[in-house]
Amino acid sequence: MRILVATAVPVERDAVARAFTGPAPDVDVVAAGVGPALAAASTATALTRAALAGAPYGLVVSAGIGGGFLPHAPVGSLVVADEITAADLGAETADGFVPVTELGFGAVTHRPPEALVRAAAAATGARAGAVLTVSTVTGTAARAAALRERHPTALAEAMEGFGVAEAAGAHGVPVLEIRAVSNPVGPRDRAAWRIGDALAALTAGFGKLTPVLESWRHHDD
Protein backbone atom coordinates (compact mmCIF):
# COMPACT_ATOMS: atom_id res chain seq x y z
CA MET A 1 0.00 0.00 0.00
CA ARG A 2 1.31 3.41 -0.97
CA ILE A 3 1.09 6.14 1.68
CA LEU A 4 1.13 9.91 1.22
CA VAL A 5 2.28 12.00 4.18
CA ALA A 6 1.35 15.68 3.80
CA THR A 7 3.15 18.20 6.00
CA ALA A 8 2.89 21.98 5.84
CA VAL A 9 6.49 23.12 5.48
CA PRO A 10 9.88 21.60 4.52
CA VAL A 11 11.19 21.29 8.10
CA GLU A 12 8.21 19.09 8.98
CA ARG A 13 8.65 17.09 5.78
CA ASP A 14 12.31 16.50 6.63
CA ALA A 15 11.49 15.53 10.22
CA VAL A 16 9.10 12.84 8.99
CA ALA A 17 11.44 11.65 6.25
CA ARG A 18 14.26 11.15 8.77
CA ALA A 19 12.20 8.41 10.43
CA PHE A 20 12.42 6.23 7.33
CA THR A 21 16.12 5.31 7.45
CA GLY A 22 15.67 1.56 7.00
CA PRO A 23 13.08 -0.69 5.35
CA ALA A 24 9.83 1.25 5.33
CA PRO A 25 6.41 1.25 3.72
CA ASP A 26 6.03 2.81 0.28
CA VAL A 27 5.81 6.36 1.63
CA ASP A 28 5.99 9.74 -0.11
CA VAL A 29 6.42 12.76 2.17
CA VAL A 30 5.54 16.19 0.77
CA ALA A 31 5.38 19.76 2.01
CA ALA A 32 1.84 20.58 0.91
CA GLY A 33 1.77 24.19 2.15
CA VAL A 34 0.31 26.18 5.03
CA GLY A 35 -3.43 26.43 5.64
CA PRO A 36 -6.38 24.21 4.75
CA ALA A 37 -6.90 25.50 1.21
CA LEU A 38 -3.35 24.98 -0.05
CA ALA A 39 -3.04 21.70 1.85
CA ALA A 40 -6.23 20.44 0.19
CA ALA A 41 -5.14 21.55 -3.28
CA SER A 42 -1.66 20.05 -2.99
CA THR A 43 -2.93 16.78 -1.52
CA ALA A 44 -5.62 16.44 -4.18
CA THR A 45 -3.03 17.06 -6.89
CA ALA A 46 -0.73 14.37 -5.49
CA LEU A 47 -3.61 11.90 -5.20
CA THR A 48 -4.77 12.60 -8.75
CA ARG A 49 -1.29 12.20 -10.22
CA ALA A 50 -0.79 8.89 -8.41
CA ALA A 51 -4.16 7.57 -9.57
CA LEU A 52 -3.51 8.57 -13.17
CA ALA A 53 -0.12 6.86 -13.02
CA GLY A 54 -1.80 3.64 -11.94
CA ALA A 55 -0.22 3.68 -8.48
CA PRO A 56 -2.87 5.19 -6.18
CA TYR A 57 -2.30 5.89 -2.50
CA GLY A 58 -4.12 3.74 0.05
CA LEU A 59 -3.71 6.12 2.99
CA VAL A 60 -3.08 9.83 3.51
CA VAL A 61 -1.47 11.13 6.70
CA SER A 62 -1.54 14.80 7.72
CA ALA A 63 1.50 15.35 9.92
CA GLY A 64 3.42 18.17 11.54
CA ILE A 65 3.66 20.28 14.64
CA GLY A 66 0.86 22.21 16.29
CA GLY A 67 -0.48 23.82 19.41
CA GLY A 68 -1.62 21.67 22.32
CA PHE A 69 -4.47 22.29 24.73
CA LEU A 70 -3.00 22.12 28.22
CA PRO A 71 -2.90 20.11 30.39
CA HIS A 72 -3.92 17.22 28.18
CA ALA A 73 -1.39 17.77 25.37
CA PRO A 74 1.82 19.24 26.81
CA VAL A 75 4.68 20.56 24.72
CA GLY A 76 6.71 17.71 23.23
CA SER A 77 3.85 15.20 23.30
CA LEU A 78 2.23 13.48 20.33
CA VAL A 79 -1.46 13.59 19.42
CA VAL A 80 -3.33 11.29 17.03
CA ALA A 81 -6.64 12.61 15.74
CA ASP A 82 -9.72 10.51 16.29
CA GLU A 83 -11.58 13.37 14.62
CA ILE A 84 -10.33 16.09 12.30
CA THR A 85 -12.56 19.14 12.66
CA ALA A 86 -12.64 22.53 10.94
CA ALA A 87 -13.13 24.68 14.03
CA ASP A 88 -13.73 28.03 12.33
CA LEU A 89 -15.72 27.00 9.25
CA GLY A 90 -19.08 28.64 9.78
CA ALA A 91 -20.56 31.97 10.80
CA GLU A 92 -20.40 34.34 13.74
CA THR A 93 -23.86 35.26 15.04
CA ALA A 94 -25.27 37.27 17.93
CA ASP A 95 -25.62 33.98 19.78
CA GLY A 96 -22.06 32.87 19.05
CA PHE A 97 -20.33 30.71 16.45
CA VAL A 98 -22.44 28.46 14.23
CA PRO A 99 -20.67 25.69 12.28
CA VAL A 100 -21.39 25.38 8.60
CA THR A 101 -23.30 22.14 9.17
CA GLU A 102 -25.87 23.97 11.29
CA LEU A 103 -26.27 26.47 8.46
CA GLY A 104 -27.51 23.57 6.36
CA PHE A 105 -24.58 22.65 4.14
CA GLY A 106 -21.04 21.32 4.10
CA ALA A 107 -19.14 19.20 6.58
CA VAL A 108 -16.78 20.09 9.40
CA THR A 109 -15.48 16.72 10.61
CA HIS A 110 -13.64 13.70 9.24
CA ARG A 111 -13.09 10.60 11.37
CA PRO A 112 -9.99 8.50 10.71
CA PRO A 113 -10.32 4.70 10.85
CA GLU A 114 -10.77 3.69 14.50
CA ALA A 115 -8.46 0.67 14.36
CA LEU A 116 -5.70 2.73 12.79
CA VAL A 117 -6.06 5.47 15.42
CA ARG A 118 -5.85 2.91 18.22
CA ALA A 119 -2.82 1.21 16.69
CA ALA A 120 -1.03 4.51 16.01
CA ALA A 121 -1.65 5.77 19.55
CA ALA A 122 -0.47 2.51 21.09
CA ALA A 123 2.68 2.36 18.97
CA THR A 124 3.74 5.97 19.52
CA GLY A 125 2.46 6.65 23.03
CA ALA A 126 0.32 9.44 21.63
CA ARG A 127 -2.97 10.52 23.11
CA ALA A 128 -6.02 10.23 20.83
CA GLY A 129 -8.50 13.08 20.59
CA ALA A 130 -9.83 15.77 18.31
CA VAL A 131 -7.37 17.88 16.33
CA LEU A 132 -8.85 21.20 15.26
CA THR A 133 -8.04 22.83 11.95
CA VAL A 134 -8.01 26.64 12.06
CA SER A 135 -7.23 29.26 9.47
CA THR A 136 -6.20 31.72 12.19
CA VAL A 137 -3.92 30.37 14.91
CA THR A 138 -5.28 30.95 18.40
CA GLY A 139 -3.51 33.80 20.17
CA THR A 140 -5.63 34.56 23.23
CA ALA A 141 -6.77 32.69 26.31
CA ALA A 142 -10.38 33.67 25.53
CA ARG A 143 -10.33 32.03 22.10
CA ALA A 144 -8.60 28.95 23.48
CA ALA A 145 -11.32 28.62 26.10
CA ALA A 146 -14.05 29.11 23.49
CA LEU A 147 -12.59 26.38 21.30
CA ARG A 148 -12.37 23.95 24.20
CA GLU A 149 -15.97 24.74 25.17
CA ARG A 150 -17.17 23.97 21.62
CA HIS A 151 -14.86 20.97 21.24
CA PRO A 152 -14.39 19.32 24.67
CA THR A 153 -12.27 16.47 23.29
CA ALA A 154 -9.84 18.75 21.46
CA LEU A 155 -6.18 18.07 22.18
CA ALA A 156 -4.47 20.20 19.54
CA GLU A 157 -4.92 22.71 16.77
CA ALA A 158 -3.11 23.07 13.46
CA MET A 159 -3.85 24.57 10.06
CA GLU A 160 -3.89 21.74 7.51
CA GLY A 161 -5.59 18.56 8.71
CA PHE A 162 -9.13 19.28 7.52
CA GLY A 163 -7.90 20.35 4.09
CA VAL A 164 -5.88 17.16 3.72
CA ALA A 165 -8.87 15.12 4.92
CA GLU A 166 -11.21 16.81 2.43
CA ALA A 167 -8.88 15.90 -0.44
CA ALA A 168 -8.50 12.34 0.80
CA GLY A 169 -12.26 12.00 1.21
CA ALA A 170 -12.89 13.23 -2.31
CA HIS A 171 -10.64 10.41 -3.55
CA GLY A 172 -12.14 7.80 -1.24
CA VAL A 173 -8.86 7.35 0.62
CA PRO A 174 -8.72 7.04 4.44
CA VAL A 175 -6.89 9.73 6.39
CA LEU A 176 -4.93 9.98 9.63
CA GLU A 177 -3.57 13.05 11.42
CA ILE A 178 -0.58 13.11 13.77
CA ARG A 179 0.71 16.22 15.53
CA ALA A 180 3.70 16.90 17.77
CA VAL A 181 2.96 19.72 20.20
CA SER A 182 5.34 22.67 19.91
CA ASN A 183 3.48 25.24 22.02
CA PRO A 184 0.39 25.68 24.18
CA VAL A 185 -2.79 26.90 22.51
CA GLY A 186 -3.46 30.42 23.81
CA PRO A 187 -1.49 33.66 24.16
CA ARG A 188 1.43 33.70 21.74
CA ASP A 189 4.59 33.41 23.81
CA ARG A 190 7.54 32.65 21.55
CA ALA A 191 9.75 31.95 24.56
CA ALA A 192 7.51 28.97 25.34
CA TRP A 193 7.73 27.46 21.86
CA ARG A 194 9.76 24.24 21.53
CA ILE A 195 9.78 23.69 17.80
CA GLY A 196 12.99 21.66 17.81
CA ASP A 197 11.66 19.34 20.49
CA ALA A 198 8.39 18.91 18.60
CA LEU A 199 10.18 18.07 15.35
CA ALA A 200 12.31 15.51 17.19
CA ALA A 201 9.15 14.00 18.68
CA LEU A 202 7.62 13.85 15.20
CA THR A 203 10.63 11.94 13.87
CA ALA A 204 10.59 9.53 16.81
CA GLY A 205 6.85 9.03 16.48
CA PHE A 206 7.03 8.12 12.82
CA GLY A 207 9.86 5.73 13.56
CA LYS A 208 7.56 3.84 15.93
CA LEU A 209 4.64 4.17 13.52
CA THR A 210 6.36 2.37 10.65
CA PRO A 211 5.22 -1.16 11.65
CA VAL A 212 1.64 0.08 11.98
CA LEU A 213 1.69 1.62 8.52
CA GLU A 214 3.24 -1.53 7.06
CA SER A 215 0.59 -3.83 8.52
CA TRP A 216 -2.60 -1.75 8.36
CA ARG A 217 -5.10 -2.18 5.57
CA HIS A 218 -8.38 -0.37 5.10
CA HIS A 219 -10.40 -3.53 5.70
CA ASP A 220 -9.06 -3.61 9.28
CA ASP A 221 -11.89 -1.23 10.29
C-alpha atoms as a PDB file:
ATOM      1  CA  MET A   1       0.000   0.000   0.000  1.00  0.00           C
ATOM      2  CA  ARG A   2       1.313   3.408  -0.966  1.00  0.00           C
ATOM      3  CA  ILE A   3       1.093   6.138   1.675  1.00  0.00           C
ATOM      4  CA  LEU A   4       1.129   9.909   1.221  1.00  0.00           C
ATOM      5  CA  VAL A   5       2.282  12.004   4.175  1.00  0.00           C
ATOM      6  CA  ALA A   6       1.348  15.678   3.800  1.00  0.00           C
ATOM      7  CA  THR A   7       3.148  18.203   5.996  1.00  0.00           C
ATOM      8  CA  ALA A   8       2.894  21.978   5.837  1.00  0.00           C
ATOM      9  CA  VAL A   9       6.494  23.119   5.479  1.00  0.00           C
ATOM     10  CA  PRO A  10       9.877  21.598   4.523  1.00  0.00           C
ATOM     11  CA  VAL A  11      11.193  21.293   8.103  1.00  0.00           C
ATOM     12  CA  GLU A  12       8.206  19.086   8.977  1.00  0.00           C
ATOM     13  CA  ARG A  13       8.649  17.086   5.779  1.00  0.00           C
ATOM     14  CA  ASP A  14      12.308  16.502   6.632  1.00  0.00           C
ATOM     15  CA  ALA A  15      11.486  15.527  10.222  1.00  0.00           C
ATOM     16  CA  VAL A  16       9.097  12.837   8.994  1.00  0.00           C
ATOM     17  CA  ALA A  17      11.441  11.647   6.249  1.00  0.00           C
ATOM     18  CA  ARG A  18      14.264  11.149   8.774  1.00  0.00           C
ATOM     19  CA  ALA A  19      12.202   8.412  10.427  1.00  0.00           C
ATOM     20  CA  PHE A  20      12.424   6.229   7.334  1.00  0.00           C
ATOM     21  CA  THR A  21      16.117   5.311   7.447  1.00  0.00           C
ATOM     22  CA  GLY A  22      15.666   1.563   6.996  1.00  0.00           C
ATOM     23  CA  PRO A  23      13.082  -0.688   5.353  1.00  0.00           C
ATOM     24  CA  ALA A  24       9.830   1.249   5.328  1.00  0.00           C
ATOM     25  CA  PRO A  25       6.409   1.253   3.720  1.00  0.00           C
ATOM     26  CA  ASP A  26       6.032   2.806   0.284  1.00  0.00           C
ATOM     27  CA  VAL A  27       5.813   6.357   1.632  1.00  0.00           C
ATOM     28  CA  ASP A  28       5.990   9.738  -0.108  1.00  0.00           C
ATOM     29  CA  VAL A  29       6.419  12.757   2.169  1.00  0.00           C
ATOM     30  CA  VAL A  30       5.541  16.185   0.770  1.00  0.00           C
ATOM     31  CA  ALA A  31       5.378  19.763   2.007  1.00  0.00           C
ATOM     32  CA  ALA A  32       1.835  20.585   0.914  1.00  0.00           C
ATOM     33  CA  GLY A  33       1.765  24.188   2.155  1.00  0.00           C
ATOM     34  CA  VAL A  34       0.314  26.176   5.032  1.00  0.00           C
ATOM     35  CA  GLY A  35      -3.426  26.430   5.642  1.00  0.00           C
ATOM     36  CA  PRO A  36      -6.376  24.206   4.754  1.00  0.00           C
ATOM     37  CA  ALA A  37      -6.902  25.503   1.207  1.00  0.00           C
ATOM     38  CA  LEU A  38      -3.348  24.983  -0.055  1.00  0.00           C
ATOM     39  CA  ALA A  39      -3.043  21.701   1.849  1.00  0.00           C
ATOM     40  CA  ALA A  40      -6.226  20.439   0.188  1.00  0.00           C
ATOM     41  CA  ALA A  41      -5.140  21.548  -3.278  1.00  0.00           C
ATOM     42  CA  SER A  42      -1.656  20.051  -2.987  1.00  0.00           C
ATOM     43  CA  THR A  43      -2.927  16.779  -1.525  1.00  0.00           C
ATOM     44  CA  ALA A  44      -5.620  16.438  -4.182  1.00  0.00           C
ATOM     45  CA  THR A  45      -3.032  17.064  -6.890  1.00  0.00           C
ATOM     46  CA  ALA A  46      -0.727  14.368  -5.494  1.00  0.00           C
ATOM     47  CA  LEU A  47      -3.607  11.898  -5.198  1.00  0.00           C
ATOM     48  CA  THR A  48      -4.767  12.595  -8.747  1.00  0.00           C
ATOM     49  CA  ARG A  49      -1.292  12.196 -10.222  1.00  0.00           C
ATOM     50  CA  ALA A  50      -0.795   8.893  -8.407  1.00  0.00           C
ATOM     51  CA  ALA A  51      -4.155   7.572  -9.569  1.00  0.00           C
ATOM     52  CA  LEU A  52      -3.510   8.567 -13.170  1.00  0.00           C
ATOM     53  CA  ALA A  53      -0.117   6.855 -13.017  1.00  0.00           C
ATOM     54  CA  GLY A  54      -1.797   3.641 -11.939  1.00  0.00           C
ATOM     55  CA  ALA A  55      -0.223   3.684  -8.480  1.00  0.00           C
ATOM     56  CA  PRO A  56      -2.867   5.188  -6.177  1.00  0.00           C
ATOM     57  CA  TYR A  57      -2.297   5.888  -2.498  1.00  0.00           C
ATOM     58  CA  GLY A  58      -4.115   3.735   0.050  1.00  0.00           C
ATOM     59  CA  LEU A  59      -3.712   6.119   2.992  1.00  0.00           C
ATOM     60  CA  VAL A  60      -3.081   9.832   3.514  1.00  0.00           C
ATOM     61  CA  VAL A  61      -1.468  11.131   6.705  1.00  0.00           C
ATOM     62  CA  SER A  62      -1.541  14.799   7.716  1.00  0.00           C
ATOM     63  CA  ALA A  63       1.501  15.354   9.924  1.00  0.00           C
ATOM     64  CA  GLY A  64       3.419  18.172  11.536  1.00  0.00           C
ATOM     65  CA  ILE A  65       3.662  20.284  14.642  1.00  0.00           C
ATOM     66  CA  GLY A  66       0.857  22.209  16.293  1.00  0.00           C
ATOM     67  CA  GLY A  67      -0.480  23.817  19.415  1.00  0.00           C
ATOM     68  CA  GLY A  68      -1.617  21.666  22.319  1.00  0.00           C
ATOM     69  CA  PHE A  69      -4.469  22.286  24.731  1.00  0.00           C
ATOM     70  CA  LEU A  70      -3.000  22.121  28.225  1.00  0.00           C
ATOM     71  CA  PRO A  71      -2.898  20.112  30.390  1.00  0.00           C
ATOM     72  CA  HIS A  72      -3.918  17.215  28.179  1.00  0.00           C
ATOM     73  CA  ALA A  73      -1.394  17.766  25.369  1.00  0.00           C
ATOM     74  CA  PRO A  74       1.820  19.244  26.805  1.00  0.00           C
ATOM     75  CA  VAL A  75       4.684  20.560  24.719  1.00  0.00           C
ATOM     76  CA  GLY A  76       6.708  17.713  23.232  1.00  0.00           C
ATOM     77  CA  SER A  77       3.854  15.196  23.301  1.00  0.00           C
ATOM     78  CA  LEU A  78       2.229  13.475  20.330  1.00  0.00           C
ATOM     79  CA  VAL A  79      -1.459  13.586  19.419  1.00  0.00           C
ATOM     80  CA  VAL A  80      -3.326  11.285  17.031  1.00  0.00           C
ATOM     81  CA  ALA A  81      -6.640  12.613  15.743  1.00  0.00           C
ATOM     82  CA  ASP A  82      -9.725  10.514  16.293  1.00  0.00           C
ATOM     83  CA  GLU A  83     -11.582  13.372  14.617  1.00  0.00           C
ATOM     84  CA  ILE A  84     -10.332  16.094  12.303  1.00  0.00           C
ATOM     85  CA  THR A  85     -12.560  19.140  12.659  1.00  0.00           C
ATOM     86  CA  ALA A  86     -12.638  22.527  10.936  1.00  0.00           C
ATOM     87  CA  ALA A  87     -13.126  24.680  14.028  1.00  0.00           C
ATOM     88  CA  ASP A  88     -13.728  28.033  12.332  1.00  0.00           C
ATOM     89  CA  LEU A  89     -15.720  27.001   9.250  1.00  0.00           C
ATOM     90  CA  GLY A  90     -19.080  28.638   9.784  1.00  0.00           C
ATOM     91  CA  ALA A  91     -20.563  31.974  10.801  1.00  0.00           C
ATOM     92  CA  GLU A  92     -20.403  34.336  13.744  1.00  0.00           C
ATOM     93  CA  THR A  93     -23.864  35.256  15.043  1.00  0.00           C
ATOM     94  CA  ALA A  94     -25.274  37.275  17.929  1.00  0.00           C
ATOM     95  CA  ASP A  95     -25.616  33.978  19.778  1.00  0.00           C
ATOM     96  CA  GLY A  96     -22.060  32.869  19.045  1.00  0.00           C
ATOM     97  CA  PHE A  97     -20.328  30.714  16.451  1.00  0.00           C
ATOM     98  CA  VAL A  98     -22.440  28.465  14.225  1.00  0.00           C
ATOM     99  CA  PRO A  99     -20.667  25.687  12.284  1.00  0.00           C
ATOM    100  CA  VAL A 100     -21.389  25.381   8.596  1.00  0.00           C
ATOM    101  CA  THR A 101     -23.304  22.139   9.173  1.00  0.00           C
ATOM    102  CA  GLU A 102     -25.875  23.975  11.286  1.00  0.00           C
ATOM    103  CA  LEU A 103     -26.270  26.468   8.455  1.00  0.00           C
ATOM    104  CA  GLY A 104     -27.512  23.565   6.356  1.00  0.00           C
ATOM    105  CA  PHE A 105     -24.583  22.651   4.142  1.00  0.00           C
ATOM    106  CA  GLY A 106     -21.039  21.320   4.104  1.00  0.00           C
ATOM    107  CA  ALA A 107     -19.137  19.198   6.576  1.00  0.00           C
ATOM    108  CA  VAL A 108     -16.784  20.087   9.401  1.00  0.00           C
ATOM    109  CA  THR A 109     -15.478  16.723  10.606  1.00  0.00           C
ATOM    110  CA  HIS A 110     -13.635  13.700   9.238  1.00  0.00           C
ATOM    111  CA  ARG A 111     -13.094  10.600  11.374  1.00  0.00           C
ATOM    112  CA  PRO A 112      -9.992   8.504  10.713  1.00  0.00           C
ATOM    113  CA  PRO A 113     -10.321   4.703  10.855  1.00  0.00           C
ATOM    114  CA  GLU A 114     -10.767   3.690  14.495  1.00  0.00           C
ATOM    115  CA  ALA A 115      -8.464   0.668  14.363  1.00  0.00           C
ATOM    116  CA  LEU A 116      -5.701   2.733  12.790  1.00  0.00           C
ATOM    117  CA  VAL A 117      -6.059   5.471  15.418  1.00  0.00           C
ATOM    118  CA  ARG A 118      -5.849   2.907  18.217  1.00  0.00           C
ATOM    119  CA  ALA A 119      -2.820   1.211  16.689  1.00  0.00           C
ATOM    120  CA  ALA A 120      -1.025   4.509  16.013  1.00  0.00           C
ATOM    121  CA  ALA A 121      -1.649   5.772  19.549  1.00  0.00           C
ATOM    122  CA  ALA A 122      -0.470   2.506  21.087  1.00  0.00           C
ATOM    123  CA  ALA A 123       2.683   2.365  18.969  1.00  0.00           C
ATOM    124  CA  THR A 124       3.740   5.969  19.517  1.00  0.00           C
ATOM    125  CA  GLY A 125       2.464   6.655  23.029  1.00  0.00           C
ATOM    126  CA  ALA A 126       0.320   9.437  21.625  1.00  0.00           C
ATOM    127  CA  ARG A 127      -2.971  10.516  23.105  1.00  0.00           C
ATOM    128  CA  ALA A 128      -6.023  10.233  20.832  1.00  0.00           C
ATOM    129  CA  GLY A 129      -8.505  13.083  20.592  1.00  0.00           C
ATOM    130  CA  ALA A 130      -9.828  15.771  18.305  1.00  0.00           C
ATOM    131  CA  VAL A 131      -7.372  17.881  16.334  1.00  0.00           C
ATOM    132  CA  LEU A 132      -8.853  21.197  15.257  1.00  0.00           C
ATOM    133  CA  THR A 133      -8.040  22.832  11.948  1.00  0.00           C
ATOM    134  CA  VAL A 134      -8.012  26.638  12.065  1.00  0.00           C
ATOM    135  CA  SER A 135      -7.228  29.264   9.471  1.00  0.00           C
ATOM    136  CA  THR A 136      -6.197  31.717  12.193  1.00  0.00           C
ATOM    137  CA  VAL A 137      -3.917  30.368  14.912  1.00  0.00           C
ATOM    138  CA  THR A 138      -5.280  30.947  18.398  1.00  0.00           C
ATOM    139  CA  GLY A 139      -3.505  33.801  20.174  1.00  0.00           C
ATOM    140  CA  THR A 140      -5.629  34.561  23.231  1.00  0.00           C
ATOM    141  CA  ALA A 141      -6.774  32.688  26.307  1.00  0.00           C
ATOM    142  CA  ALA A 142     -10.377  33.673  25.531  1.00  0.00           C
ATOM    143  CA  ARG A 143     -10.334  32.025  22.103  1.00  0.00           C
ATOM    144  CA  ALA A 144      -8.595  28.949  23.484  1.00  0.00           C
ATOM    145  CA  ALA A 145     -11.321  28.621  26.102  1.00  0.00           C
ATOM    146  CA  ALA A 146     -14.048  29.108  23.492  1.00  0.00           C
ATOM    147  CA  LEU A 147     -12.589  26.375  21.300  1.00  0.00           C
ATOM    148  CA  ARG A 148     -12.373  23.947  24.205  1.00  0.00           C
ATOM    149  CA  GLU A 149     -15.970  24.742  25.165  1.00  0.00           C
ATOM    150  CA  ARG A 150     -17.170  23.972  21.623  1.00  0.00           C
ATOM    151  CA  HIS A 151     -14.860  20.973  21.240  1.00  0.00           C
ATOM    152  CA  PRO A 152     -14.394  19.322  24.668  1.00  0.00           C
ATOM    153  CA  THR A 153     -12.275  16.467  23.287  1.00  0.00           C
ATOM    154  CA  ALA A 154      -9.841  18.753  21.457  1.00  0.00           C
ATOM    155  CA  LEU A 155      -6.185  18.068  22.184  1.00  0.00           C
ATOM    156  CA  ALA A 156      -4.469  20.196  19.543  1.00  0.00           C
ATOM    157  CA  GLU A 157      -4.919  22.710  16.773  1.00  0.00           C
ATOM    158  CA  ALA A 158      -3.113  23.074  13.463  1.00  0.00           C
ATOM    159  CA  MET A 159      -3.852  24.570  10.061  1.00  0.00           C
ATOM    160  CA  GLU A 160      -3.889  21.745   7.514  1.00  0.00           C
ATOM    161  CA  GLY A 161      -5.590  18.560   8.709  1.00  0.00           C
ATOM    162  CA  PHE A 162      -9.132  19.283   7.523  1.00  0.00           C
ATOM    163  CA  GLY A 163      -7.904  20.345   4.086  1.00  0.00           C
ATOM    164  CA  VAL A 164      -5.879  17.158   3.724  1.00  0.00           C
ATOM    165  CA  ALA A 165      -8.867  15.122   4.916  1.00  0.00           C
ATOM    166  CA  GLU A 166     -11.211  16.806   2.429  1.00  0.00           C
ATOM    167  CA  ALA A 167      -8.877  15.896  -0.437  1.00  0.00           C
ATOM    168  CA  ALA A 168      -8.502  12.336   0.801  1.00  0.00           C
ATOM    169  CA  GLY A 169     -12.262  12.004   1.213  1.00  0.00           C
ATOM    170  CA  ALA A 170     -12.889  13.234  -2.312  1.00  0.00           C
ATOM    171  CA  HIS A 171     -10.643  10.410  -3.553  1.00  0.00           C
ATOM    172  CA  GLY A 172     -12.142   7.798  -1.244  1.00  0.00           C
ATOM    173  CA  VAL A 173      -8.858   7.352   0.622  1.00  0.00           C
ATOM    174  CA  PRO A 174      -8.725   7.045   4.442  1.00  0.00           C
ATOM    175  CA  VAL A 175      -6.888   9.727   6.392  1.00  0.00           C
ATOM    176  CA  LEU A 176      -4.926   9.976   9.627  1.00  0.00           C
ATOM    177  CA  GLU A 177      -3.569  13.052  11.418  1.00  0.00           C
ATOM    178  CA  ILE A 178      -0.580  13.114  13.765  1.00  0.00           C
ATOM    179  CA  ARG A 179       0.714  16.224  15.534  1.00  0.00           C
ATOM    180  CA  ALA A 180       3.699  16.895  17.771  1.00  0.00           C
ATOM    181  CA  VAL A 181       2.964  19.715  20.201  1.00  0.00           C
ATOM    182  CA  SER A 182       5.339  22.671  19.906  1.00  0.00           C
ATOM    183  CA  ASN A 183       3.481  25.241  22.016  1.00  0.00           C
ATOM    184  CA  PRO A 184       0.392  25.682  24.185  1.00  0.00           C
ATOM    185  CA  VAL A 185      -2.790  26.897  22.511  1.00  0.00           C
ATOM    186  CA  GLY A 186      -3.457  30.416  23.807  1.00  0.00           C
ATOM    187  CA  PRO A 187      -1.491  33.662  24.158  1.00  0.00           C
ATOM    188  CA  ARG A 188       1.430  33.699  21.743  1.00  0.00           C
ATOM    189  CA  ASP A 189       4.590  33.409  23.810  1.00  0.00           C
ATOM    190  CA  ARG A 190       7.545  32.647  21.552  1.00  0.00           C
ATOM    191  CA  ALA A 191       9.746  31.954  24.564  1.00  0.00           C
ATOM    192  CA  ALA A 192       7.509  28.968  25.342  1.00  0.00           C
ATOM    193  CA  TRP A 193       7.731  27.461  21.859  1.00  0.00           C
ATOM    194  CA  ARG A 194       9.759  24.241  21.529  1.00  0.00           C
ATOM    195  CA  ILE A 195       9.778  23.695  17.795  1.00  0.00           C
ATOM    196  CA  GLY A 196      12.994  21.662  17.810  1.00  0.00           C
ATOM    197  CA  ASP A 197      11.660  19.343  20.492  1.00  0.00           C
ATOM    198  CA  ALA A 198       8.391  18.912  18.603  1.00  0.00           C
ATOM    199  CA  LEU A 199      10.178  18.072  15.351  1.00  0.00           C
ATOM    200  CA  ALA A 200      12.308  15.513  17.191  1.00  0.00           C
ATOM    201  CA  ALA A 201       9.147  14.002  18.682  1.00  0.00           C
ATOM    202  CA  LEU A 202       7.623  13.852  15.196  1.00  0.00           C
ATOM    203  CA  THR A 203      10.632  11.938  13.866  1.00  0.00           C
ATOM    204  CA  ALA A 204      10.591   9.527  16.808  1.00  0.00           C
ATOM    205  CA  GLY A 205       6.853   9.035  16.483  1.00  0.00           C
ATOM    206  CA  PHE A 206       7.026   8.122  12.817  1.00  0.00           C
ATOM    207  CA  GLY A 207       9.865   5.730  13.557  1.00  0.00           C
ATOM    208  CA  LYS A 208       7.565   3.838  15.925  1.00  0.00           C
ATOM    209  CA  LEU A 209       4.639   4.175  13.525  1.00  0.00           C
ATOM    210  CA  THR A 210       6.357   2.367  10.651  1.00  0.00           C
ATOM    211  CA  PRO A 211       5.218  -1.164  11.649  1.00  0.00           C
ATOM    212  CA  VAL A 212       1.642   0.075  11.983  1.00  0.00           C
ATOM    213  CA  LEU A 213       1.688   1.623   8.521  1.00  0.00           C
ATOM    214  CA  GLU A 214       3.238  -1.528   7.065  1.00  0.00           C
ATOM    215  CA  SER A 215       0.595  -3.828   8.522  1.00  0.00           C
ATOM    216  CA  TRP A 216      -2.597  -1.751   8.364  1.00  0.00           C
ATOM    217  CA  ARG A 217      -5.099  -2.184   5.569  1.00  0.00           C
ATOM    218  CA  HIS A 218      -8.377  -0.367   5.101  1.00  0.00           C
ATOM    219  CA  HIS A 219     -10.402  -3.528   5.703  1.00  0.00           C
ATOM    220  CA  ASP A 220      -9.062  -3.610   9.283  1.00  0.00           C
ATOM    221  CA  ASP A 221     -11.893  -1.228  10.285  1.00  0.00           C
END
